[in-house]
Amino acid sequence: MKKIFSLILICLFLTACFNGSQFVNLKIKDTNIQAELVVNLKQKAQGLSGRESLADNQGMLFLYQEPGRYSFWMKGMNFPLDIIYIYNNEIIEIFKNVPLKTEGEITEIFPAQIADKILEVNAGFCDLHNIQISDKIEFKDLD
């Protein structure tokens, strides 16, 4: 089963490198999320910067070929986020309500653990849906 998901993610990675945005449907507990895939360096640098909002039950999923301790910052953000770190499709760390950059400061997140995926959702999302460390991520049908 893990091999099938790995193959799907590799195909999505290659597709996203050559095309526009790609999306995947995720499920955490009873909550469905449509996540925009972020796989290349340009997409990762941009992230959600400059966007005015993110719809309910939508997110941005950053995929990494190698697990690592990937830091995130809130440069150019217009709304706060919950940032969910994932390893082997299990939530390992959550940063809730990450604030926007303030004058003269850069908000940056430094995880304690390695991750292979990171999901950004609206601030308050994790509390609203009772999403916690050790919850599993399920990949549903792909768009």
C-alpha atoms as a PDB file:
ATOM      1  CA  MET A   1       0.000   0.000   0.000  1.00  0.00           C
ATOM      2  CA  LYS A   2       2.851   2.408   0.881  1.00  0.00           C
ATOM      3  CA  LYS A   3       4.455   1.651  -2.494  1.00  0.00           C
ATOM      4  CA  ILE A   4       1.255   2.629  -4.301  1.00  0.00           C
ATOM      5  CA  PHE A   5       1.056   5.969  -2.438  1.00  0.00           C
ATOM      6  CA  SER A   6       4.754   6.589  -3.070  1.00  0.00           C
ATOM      7  CA  LEU A   7       4.259   5.919  -6.777  1.00  0.00           C
ATOM      8  CA  ILE A   8       1.235   8.246  -6.883  1.00  0.00           C
ATOM      9  CA  LEU A   9       3.189  11.009  -5.139  1.00  0.00           C
ATOM     10  CA  ILE A  10       6.140  10.591  -7.513  1.00  0.00           C
ATOM     11  CA  CYS A  11       3.796  10.832 -10.519  1.00  0.00           C
ATOM     12  CA  LEU A  12       2.166  13.932  -9.033  1.00  0.00           C
ATOM     13  CA  PHE A  13       5.596  15.411  -8.369  1.00  0.00           C
ATOM     14  CA  LEU A  14       6.672  14.913 -11.977  1.00  0.00           C
ATOM     15  CA  THR A  15       3.368  16.224 -13.321  1.00  0.00           C
ATOM     16  CA  ALA A  16       3.496  19.321 -11.135  1.00  0.00           C
ATOM     17  CA  CYS A  17       7.037  20.083 -12.271  1.00  0.00           C
ATOM     18  CA  PHE A  18       5.855  20.452 -15.859  1.00  0.00           C
ATOM     19  CA  ASN A  19       2.284  21.731 -15.449  1.00  0.00           C
ATOM     20  CA  GLY A  20       0.362  24.241 -13.364  1.00  0.00           C
ATOM     21  CA  SER A  21      -1.008  23.540  -9.924  1.00  0.00           C
ATOM     22  CA  GLN A  22      -2.027  20.023  -9.011  1.00  0.00           C
ATOM     23  CA  PHE A  23      -4.340  19.042  -6.163  1.00  0.00           C
ATOM     24  CA  VAL A  24      -4.780  16.008  -3.955  1.00  0.00           C
ATOM     25  CA  ASN A  25      -7.653  15.147  -1.636  1.00  0.00           C
ATOM     26  CA  LEU A  26      -6.656  14.245   1.908  1.00  0.00           C
ATOM     27  CA  LYS A  27      -8.543  12.996   4.896  1.00  0.00           C
ATOM     28  CA  ILE A  28      -7.577  13.482   8.542  1.00  0.00           C
ATOM     29  CA  LYS A  29     -10.044  11.744  10.860  1.00  0.00           C
ATOM     30  CA  ASP A  30     -13.435  12.770   9.413  1.00  0.00           C
ATOM     31  CA  THR A  31     -12.140  15.947   7.772  1.00  0.00           C
ATOM     32  CA  ASN A  32     -11.624  16.163   4.025  1.00  0.00           C
ATOM     33  CA  ILE A  33      -9.054  18.621   2.687  1.00  0.00           C
ATOM     34  CA  GLN A  34      -8.300  19.615  -0.887  1.00  0.00           C
ATOM     35  CA  ALA A  35      -4.590  20.431  -0.925  1.00  0.00           C
ATOM     36  CA  GLU A  36      -2.580  22.171  -3.602  1.00  0.00           C
ATOM     37  CA  LEU A  37       0.659  20.262  -4.162  1.00  0.00           C
ATOM     38  CA  VAL A  38       3.957  22.101  -3.855  1.00  0.00           C
ATOM     39  CA  VAL A  39       6.933  20.174  -5.160  1.00  0.00           C
ATOM     40  CA  ASN A  40       9.521  22.383  -6.855  1.00  0.00           C
ATOM     41  CA  LEU A  41      11.763  25.053  -5.352  1.00  0.00           C
ATOM     42  CA  LYS A  42       9.936  27.978  -6.943  1.00  0.00           C
ATOM     43  CA  GLN A  43       6.570  26.771  -5.594  1.00  0.00           C
ATOM     44  CA  LYS A  44       8.085  26.127  -2.150  1.00  0.00           C
ATOM     45  CA  ALA A  45       9.598  29.621  -2.001  1.00  0.00           C
ATOM     46  CA  GLN A  46       6.241  31.182  -2.970  1.00  0.00           C
ATOM     47  CA  GLY A  47       3.918  29.003  -0.885  1.00  0.00           C
ATOM     48  CA  LEU A  48       0.815  30.951   0.123  1.00  0.00           C
ATOM     49  CA  SER A  49       2.658  34.294   0.129  1.00  0.00           C
ATOM     50  CA  GLY A  50       0.655  37.084  -1.465  1.00  0.00           C
ATOM     51  CA  ARG A  51      -2.667  35.262  -1.373  1.00  0.00           C
ATOM     52  CA  GLU A  52      -5.539  37.008   0.333  1.00  0.00           C
ATOM     53  CA  SER A  53      -7.133  33.903   1.861  1.00  0.00           C
ATOM     54  CA  LEU A  54      -7.492  30.154   1.816  1.00  0.00           C
ATOM     55  CA  ALA A  55     -10.940  28.547   1.562  1.00  0.00           C
ATOM     56  CA  ASP A  56     -12.244  26.341   4.365  1.00  0.00           C
ATOM     57  CA  ASN A  57     -11.064  22.744   4.026  1.00  0.00           C
ATOM     58  CA  GLN A  58      -8.320  23.746   1.617  1.00  0.00           C
ATOM     59  CA  GLY A  59      -4.613  23.685   2.185  1.00  0.00           C
ATOM     60  CA  MET A  60      -1.192  23.560   0.616  1.00  0.00           C
ATOM     61  CA  LEU A  61       0.821  20.331   0.807  1.00  0.00           C
ATOM     62  CA  PHE A  62       4.602  20.588   0.505  1.00  0.00           C
ATOM     63  CA  LEU A  63       6.233  17.336  -0.635  1.00  0.00           C
ATOM     64  CA  TYR A  64       9.894  16.499  -0.026  1.00  0.00           C
ATOM     65  CA  GLN A  65      11.909  13.712  -1.626  1.00  0.00           C
ATOM     66  CA  GLU A  66      14.122  13.425   1.463  1.00  0.00           C
ATOM     67  CA  PRO A  67      12.841  13.686   5.037  1.00  0.00           C
ATOM     68  CA  GLY A  68      14.326  16.669   6.864  1.00  0.00           C
ATOM     69  CA  ARG A  69      13.791  19.465   9.368  1.00  0.00           C
ATOM     70  CA  TYR A  70      12.265  22.049   7.012  1.00  0.00           C
ATOM     71  CA  SER A  71      11.689  25.505   8.449  1.00  0.00           C
ATOM     72  CA  PHE A  72       8.896  27.815   7.298  1.00  0.00           C
ATOM     73  CA  TRP A  73       8.487  31.571   7.469  1.00  0.00           C
ATOM     74  CA  MET A  74       5.547  33.902   7.077  1.00  0.00           C
ATOM     75  CA  LYS A  75       7.054  36.347   4.579  1.00  0.00           C
ATOM     76  CA  GLY A  76       4.365  37.993   2.446  1.00  0.00           C
ATOM     77  CA  MET A  77       1.514  36.250   4.260  1.00  0.00           C
ATOM     78  CA  ASN A  78      -1.867  37.955   4.643  1.00  0.00           C
ATOM     79  CA  PHE A  79      -3.420  35.494   7.103  1.00  0.00           C
ATOM     80  CA  PRO A  80      -2.177  33.211   9.931  1.00  0.00           C
ATOM     81  CA  LEU A  81      -1.804  29.448   9.515  1.00  0.00           C
ATOM     82  CA  ASP A  82      -1.737  26.110  11.256  1.00  0.00           C
ATOM     83  CA  ILE A  83       1.325  24.247   9.957  1.00  0.00           C
ATOM     84  CA  ILE A  84       1.191  20.454  10.184  1.00  0.00           C
ATOM     85  CA  TYR A  85       4.376  18.381   9.884  1.00  0.00           C
ATOM     86  CA  ILE A  86       3.899  14.846   8.554  1.00  0.00           C
ATOM     87  CA  TYR A  87       6.186  11.829   8.350  1.00  0.00           C
ATOM     88  CA  ASN A  88       5.096   8.545   6.751  1.00  0.00           C
ATOM     89  CA  ASN A  89       1.521   9.902   6.574  1.00  0.00           C
ATOM     90  CA  GLU A  90       1.354  10.525  10.335  1.00  0.00           C
ATOM     91  CA  ILE A  91       1.177  13.944  11.985  1.00  0.00           C
ATOM     92  CA  ILE A  92       4.319  14.412  14.061  1.00  0.00           C
ATOM     93  CA  GLU A  93       4.230  18.124  14.921  1.00  0.00           C
ATOM     94  CA  ILE A  94       1.725  20.991  14.724  1.00  0.00           C
ATOM     95  CA  PHE A  95       2.336  24.729  14.930  1.00  0.00           C
ATOM     96  CA  LYS A  96      -1.017  26.412  15.589  1.00  0.00           C
ATOM     97  CA  ASN A  97      -2.014  29.953  14.686  1.00  0.00           C
ATOM     98  CA  VAL A  98       1.380  30.936  13.293  1.00  0.00           C
ATOM     99  CA  PRO A  99       1.267  34.741  13.279  1.00  0.00           C
ATOM    100  CA  LEU A 100       1.976  37.076  10.442  1.00  0.00           C
ATOM    101  CA  LYS A 101       5.264  38.875  10.140  1.00  0.00           C
ATOM    102  CA  THR A 102       5.348  41.997  12.245  1.00  0.00           C
ATOM    103  CA  GLU A 103       7.319  45.171  11.568  1.00  0.00           C
ATOM    104  CA  GLY A 104      11.027  44.366  11.744  1.00  0.00           C
ATOM    105  CA  GLU A 105      10.451  40.674  12.545  1.00  0.00           C
ATOM    106  CA  ILE A 106      10.215  37.506  10.529  1.00  0.00           C
ATOM    107  CA  THR A 107       8.083  34.729  11.980  1.00  0.00           C
ATOM    108  CA  GLU A 108       9.920  31.477  11.329  1.00  0.00           C
ATOM    109  CA  ILE A 109       9.024  27.940  12.388  1.00  0.00           C
ATOM    110  CA  PHE A 110      11.739  25.413  13.287  1.00  0.00           C
ATOM    111  CA  PRO A 111      10.503  21.828  13.695  1.00  0.00           C
ATOM    112  CA  ALA A 112      12.014  19.438  16.237  1.00  0.00           C
ATOM    113  CA  GLN A 113      11.520  16.375  14.037  1.00  0.00           C
ATOM    114  CA  ILE A 114      12.083  15.350  10.436  1.00  0.00           C
ATOM    115  CA  ALA A 115       9.136  15.373   8.028  1.00  0.00           C
ATOM    116  CA  ASP A 116       8.506  14.362   4.434  1.00  0.00           C
ATOM    117  CA  LYS A 117       5.319  16.424   3.986  1.00  0.00           C
ATOM    118  CA  ILE A 118       4.050  19.687   5.437  1.00  0.00           C
ATOM    119  CA  LEU A 119       0.445  20.838   5.255  1.00  0.00           C
ATOM    120  CA  GLU A 120      -0.580  24.470   5.669  1.00  0.00           C
ATOM    121  CA  VAL A 121      -4.200  25.232   6.557  1.00  0.00           C
ATOM    122  CA  ASN A 122      -6.051  28.232   7.975  1.00  0.00           C
ATOM    123  CA  ALA A 123      -5.273  29.148  11.593  1.00  0.00           C
ATOM    124  CA  GLY A 124      -7.723  27.429  13.931  1.00  0.00           C
ATOM    125  CA  PHE A 125      -8.281  24.517  11.547  1.00  0.00           C
ATOM    126  CA  CYS A 126      -6.607  21.956  13.827  1.00  0.00           C
ATOM    127  CA  ASP A 127      -8.596  23.010  16.890  1.00  0.00           C
ATOM    128  CA  LEU A 128     -11.856  23.186  14.924  1.00  0.00           C
ATOM    129  CA  HIS A 129     -11.408  19.627  13.602  1.00  0.00           C
ATOM    130  CA  ASN A 130      -9.604  18.205  16.670  1.00  0.00           C
ATOM    131  CA  ILE A 131      -6.524  17.343  14.601  1.00  0.00           C
ATOM    132  CA  GLN A 132      -3.694  16.100  16.800  1.00  0.00           C
ATOM    133  CA  ILE A 133      -0.221  14.613  16.762  1.00  0.00           C
ATOM    134  CA  SER A 134      -0.280  10.924  15.723  1.00  0.00           C
ATOM    135  CA  ASP A 135      -3.384  11.362  13.526  1.00  0.00           C
ATOM    136  CA  LYS A 136      -3.023   9.601  10.180  1.00  0.00           C
ATOM    137  CA  ILE A 137      -3.291  11.250   6.757  1.00  0.00           C
ATOM    138  CA  GLU A 138      -5.249   9.346   4.117  1.00  0.00           C
ATOM    139  CA  PHE A 139      -4.889  10.155   0.421  1.00  0.00           C
ATOM    140  CA  LYS A 140      -8.250   9.984  -1.311  1.00  0.00           C
ATOM    141  CA  ASP A 141      -9.223  10.159  -4.993  1.00  0.00           C
ATOM    142  CA  LEU A 142      -7.061  12.532  -6.989  1.00  0.00           C
ATOM    143  CA  ASP A 143      -8.333  15.434  -9.096  1.00  0.00           C
END
